[in-house]
Protein backbone atom coordinates (compact mmCIF):
# COMPACT_ATOMS: atom_id res chain seq x y z
CA UNK A 1 18.26 -7.51 -50.68
CA UNK A 2 17.24 -6.92 -47.06
CA UNK A 3 16.37 -3.41 -45.90
CA UNK A 4 15.61 -1.80 -42.56
CA UNK A 5 13.15 1.07 -42.31
CA UNK A 6 13.47 3.53 -39.42
CA UNK A 7 10.86 6.26 -38.98
CA UNK A 8 9.00 7.35 -35.86
CA UNK A 9 5.77 7.79 -37.83
CA UNK A 10 4.04 4.43 -38.05
CA UNK A 11 1.93 5.50 -41.03
CA UNK A 12 5.09 6.27 -43.02
CA UNK A 13 6.71 2.96 -42.04
CA UNK A 14 3.66 0.91 -42.90
CA UNK A 15 3.27 2.71 -46.21
CA UNK A 16 6.85 1.91 -47.15
CA UNK A 17 6.52 -1.71 -46.02
CA UNK A 18 3.35 -2.09 -48.09
CA UNK A 19 5.06 -0.69 -51.16
CA UNK A 20 8.22 -2.78 -50.85
CA UNK A 21 6.10 -5.90 -50.63
CA UNK A 22 5.41 -5.29 -54.32
CA UNK A 23 9.13 -5.42 -55.13
CA UNK A 24 10.43 -8.94 -55.72
CA UNK A 25 14.07 -8.11 -55.01
CA UNK A 26 13.57 -6.02 -51.83
CA UNK A 27 12.55 -7.48 -48.48
CA UNK A 28 11.87 -5.42 -45.36
CA UNK A 29 13.81 -7.22 -42.62
CA UNK A 30 12.88 -4.88 -39.77
CA UNK A 31 10.98 -1.73 -38.82
CA UNK A 32 12.34 0.70 -36.21
CA UNK A 33 10.93 3.85 -34.64
CA UNK A 34 14.28 5.32 -33.53
CA UNK A 35 18.03 4.97 -33.89
CA UNK A 36 18.51 2.86 -30.79
CA UNK A 37 16.21 0.18 -32.19
CA UNK A 38 18.20 0.24 -35.43
CA UNK A 39 21.50 -0.38 -33.67
CA UNK A 40 20.02 -3.04 -31.40
CA UNK A 41 18.75 -4.94 -34.43
CA UNK A 42 21.97 -4.58 -36.41
CA UNK A 43 24.03 -5.97 -33.53
CA UNK A 44 22.72 -9.46 -34.17
CA UNK A 45 21.17 -9.21 -37.62
CA UNK A 46 21.96 -8.04 -41.11
CA UNK A 47 20.40 -5.40 -43.32
CA UNK A 48 21.94 -4.49 -46.67
CA UNK A 49 20.40 -1.01 -46.75
CA UNK A 50 19.12 1.05 -43.82
CA UNK A 51 16.55 3.77 -44.54
CA UNK A 52 16.61 6.50 -41.90
CA UNK A 53 14.39 9.43 -41.07
CA UNK A 54 16.20 12.52 -39.78
CA UNK A 55 14.01 13.40 -36.82
CA UNK A 56 13.47 10.47 -34.47
CA UNK A 57 13.25 10.23 -30.66
CA UNK A 58 16.06 8.81 -28.48
CA UNK A 59 18.55 8.81 -31.37
CA UNK A 60 18.04 10.82 -34.56
CA UNK A 61 19.00 9.88 -38.09
CA UNK A 62 22.32 11.75 -38.15
CA UNK A 63 23.67 10.10 -35.00
CA UNK A 64 22.34 6.74 -36.12
CA UNK A 65 24.13 7.10 -39.45
CA UNK A 66 27.39 7.91 -37.66
CA UNK A 67 27.07 4.85 -35.43
CA UNK A 68 26.17 2.60 -38.36
CA UNK A 69 29.11 3.84 -40.39
CA UNK A 70 31.50 3.14 -37.51
CA UNK A 71 30.09 -0.24 -36.46
CA UNK A 72 28.81 -1.62 -39.77
CA UNK A 73 30.91 0.00 -42.52
CA UNK A 74 29.56 -2.26 -45.27
CA UNK A 75 25.93 -1.33 -44.64
CA UNK A 76 24.47 1.19 -47.06
CA UNK A 77 22.51 4.11 -45.61
CA UNK A 78 19.75 6.14 -47.27
CA UNK A 79 18.36 9.21 -45.51
CA UNK A 80 14.67 9.64 -46.36
CA UNK A 81 13.44 12.95 -45.01
CA UNK A 82 11.32 16.07 -45.49
CA UNK A 83 14.30 18.38 -44.94
CA UNK A 84 16.65 19.68 -47.65
CA UNK A 85 18.19 22.61 -45.77
CA UNK A 86 21.93 23.17 -45.37
CA UNK A 87 22.00 22.29 -41.66
CA UNK A 88 20.48 18.90 -42.35
CA UNK A 89 22.04 17.83 -45.63
CA UNK A 90 25.67 18.58 -44.76
CA UNK A 91 25.71 16.73 -41.39
CA UNK A 92 24.01 13.74 -43.03
CA UNK A 93 26.61 13.53 -45.79
CA UNK A 94 29.41 14.04 -43.27
CA UNK A 95 27.92 11.17 -41.24
CA UNK A 96 28.52 8.91 -44.23
CA UNK A 97 25.13 8.33 -45.85
CA UNK A 98 25.11 6.80 -49.33
CA UNK A 99 21.82 8.36 -50.33
CA UNK A 100 19.74 11.40 -49.40
CA UNK A 101 16.18 11.52 -50.70
CA UNK A 102 13.03 13.52 -50.01
CA UNK A 103 9.84 11.86 -48.76
CA UNK A 104 7.88 13.16 -51.74
CA UNK A 105 9.95 10.91 -54.04
CA UNK A 106 8.03 8.60 -56.36
CA UNK A 107 7.97 5.12 -54.75
CA UNK A 108 9.31 3.39 -57.86
CA UNK A 109 12.17 5.90 -57.99
CA UNK A 110 12.91 5.23 -54.31
CA UNK A 111 13.14 1.52 -55.04
CA UNK A 112 15.58 2.27 -57.85
CA UNK A 113 17.62 4.53 -55.55
CA UNK A 114 17.89 1.70 -53.02
CA UNK A 115 19.02 -0.75 -55.72
CA UNK A 116 21.68 1.62 -56.99
CA UNK A 117 22.91 2.48 -53.50
CA UNK A 118 23.15 -1.24 -52.79
CA UNK A 119 25.39 -1.56 -55.85
CA UNK A 120 27.69 1.14 -54.51
CA UNK A 121 26.38 4.34 -56.09
CA UNK A 122 25.73 7.58 -54.22
CA UNK A 123 22.24 8.95 -54.80
CA UNK A 124 21.60 12.53 -53.67
CA UNK A 125 18.33 14.37 -54.31
CA UNK A 126 18.64 17.51 -56.46
CA UNK A 127 17.63 19.88 -53.65
CA UNK A 128 20.14 18.28 -51.30
CA UNK A 129 22.81 18.30 -53.99
CA UNK A 130 22.44 22.07 -54.39
CA UNK A 131 23.18 22.47 -50.67
CA UNK A 132 26.27 20.31 -51.09
CA UNK A 133 27.50 22.47 -53.96
CA UNK A 134 26.99 25.61 -51.85
CA UNK A 135 28.97 24.00 -49.05
CA UNK A 136 31.81 22.92 -51.34
CA UNK A 137 31.97 26.30 -53.06
CA UNK A 138 31.93 28.14 -49.73
CA UNK A 139 34.68 25.94 -48.31
CA UNK A 140 36.78 26.52 -51.43
CA UNK A 141 36.40 30.29 -51.17
CA UNK A 142 37.34 30.23 -47.50
CA UNK A 143 40.48 28.30 -48.34
CA UNK A 144 41.44 30.80 -51.04
CA UNK A 145 40.83 33.76 -48.72
CA UNK A 146 42.99 32.08 -46.11
CA UNK A 147 45.86 31.83 -48.59
CA UNK A 148 45.61 35.53 -49.41
CA UNK A 149 45.57 36.44 -45.72
CA UNK A 150 48.81 34.50 -45.23
CA UNK A 151 50.67 36.95 -47.49
CA UNK A 152 52.90 39.47 -45.77
CA UNK A 153 52.22 43.18 -46.22
CA UNK A 154 55.06 43.44 -48.76
CA UNK A 155 53.88 40.40 -50.67
CA UNK A 156 50.43 41.98 -50.89
CA UNK A 157 52.05 45.16 -52.21
CA UNK A 158 53.73 43.13 -54.94
CA UNK A 159 50.47 41.34 -55.72
CA UNK A 160 48.72 44.70 -56.12
CA UNK A 161 51.41 45.74 -58.60
CA UNK A 162 50.91 42.48 -60.53
CA UNK A 163 47.21 43.30 -60.70
CA UNK A 164 48.16 46.55 -62.42
CA UNK A 165 50.12 44.60 -65.03
CA UNK A 166 53.51 46.02 -64.07
CA UNK A 167 56.79 44.27 -64.91
CA UNK A 168 59.34 43.23 -62.30
CA UNK A 169 61.40 46.35 -63.05
CA UNK A 170 58.38 48.63 -62.77
CA UNK A 171 57.39 46.98 -59.47
CA UNK A 172 60.93 47.40 -58.17
CA UNK A 173 61.00 51.09 -59.12
CA UNK A 174 57.56 51.74 -57.66
CA UNK A 175 58.21 49.98 -54.35
CA UNK A 176 61.85 51.15 -54.09
CA UNK A 177 63.24 47.61 -53.92
CA UNK A 178 65.55 45.57 -56.16
CA UNK A 179 64.30 43.32 -58.94
CA UNK A 180 65.87 40.39 -57.08
CA UNK A 181 63.69 41.20 -54.07
CA UNK A 182 60.64 41.45 -56.33
CA UNK A 183 61.39 37.98 -57.69
CA UNK A 184 61.67 36.62 -54.15
CA UNK A 185 58.34 38.16 -53.19
CA UNK A 186 56.77 36.82 -56.40
CA UNK A 187 58.01 33.33 -55.63
CA UNK A 188 56.49 33.54 -52.16
CA UNK A 189 53.20 34.86 -53.55
CA UNK A 190 52.96 32.03 -56.09
CA UNK A 191 53.78 29.46 -53.44
CA UNK A 192 51.32 30.72 -50.82
CA UNK A 193 48.49 31.18 -53.32
CA UNK A 194 49.32 27.85 -54.98
CA UNK A 195 49.38 29.38 -58.45
CA UNK A 196 51.85 29.07 -61.31
CA UNK A 197 51.89 32.44 -63.03
CA UNK A 198 51.20 36.16 -62.71
CA UNK A 199 47.76 35.92 -64.33
CA UNK A 200 46.50 33.40 -61.77
CA UNK A 201 47.95 35.48 -58.95
CA UNK A 202 46.28 38.61 -60.31
CA UNK A 203 42.91 36.82 -60.44
CA UNK A 204 43.32 35.91 -56.77
CA UNK A 205 44.01 39.55 -55.99
CA UNK A 206 41.01 40.83 -57.93
CA UNK A 207 38.79 38.32 -56.17
CA UNK A 208 39.92 38.75 -52.57
CA UNK A 209 41.84 42.01 -52.17
CA UNK A 210 40.10 45.35 -51.88
């Protein structure tokens, strides 16, 4: 397996090269100090796995990952960085990296990460994974809130009545509408919230309506 190491700190690069020389199945094909050098090399050469630092001059790791994913879709990408914050992890994953690891990782574990990424697995550090979960959860909540906001005023009135456990007849009497109209509103509520029953709709209401 051929790998490319990109990091603007020579000490880091040399340390990685020295370590990988102890691994029989991993060969360092090239060292780069920025993203432009990575792309220049890849234009005429092949690397199975590219290891990228986030912060590099001329072209950083995120932009380099995007370019690699577009131009060399079969190449595996591992981000090796000191940053595990939301604003770094999410863009890296969105750029298409196959792995995201911290620089304090045990060298032998890093070698195993590279092997597994090469085989097609996705390897995300625990700290980075927690940021991903926060992102996914936040996006899910935003989508649910959006659905609730799409309800008309009358549909929200009906949803509030559902939250109180009232029957269709009780809702009709309380809102001074027919049961047929209640059923129509209920159907719209279920459809817009993408739920199948009154209980699920009520849970939406409890969660997002004040």
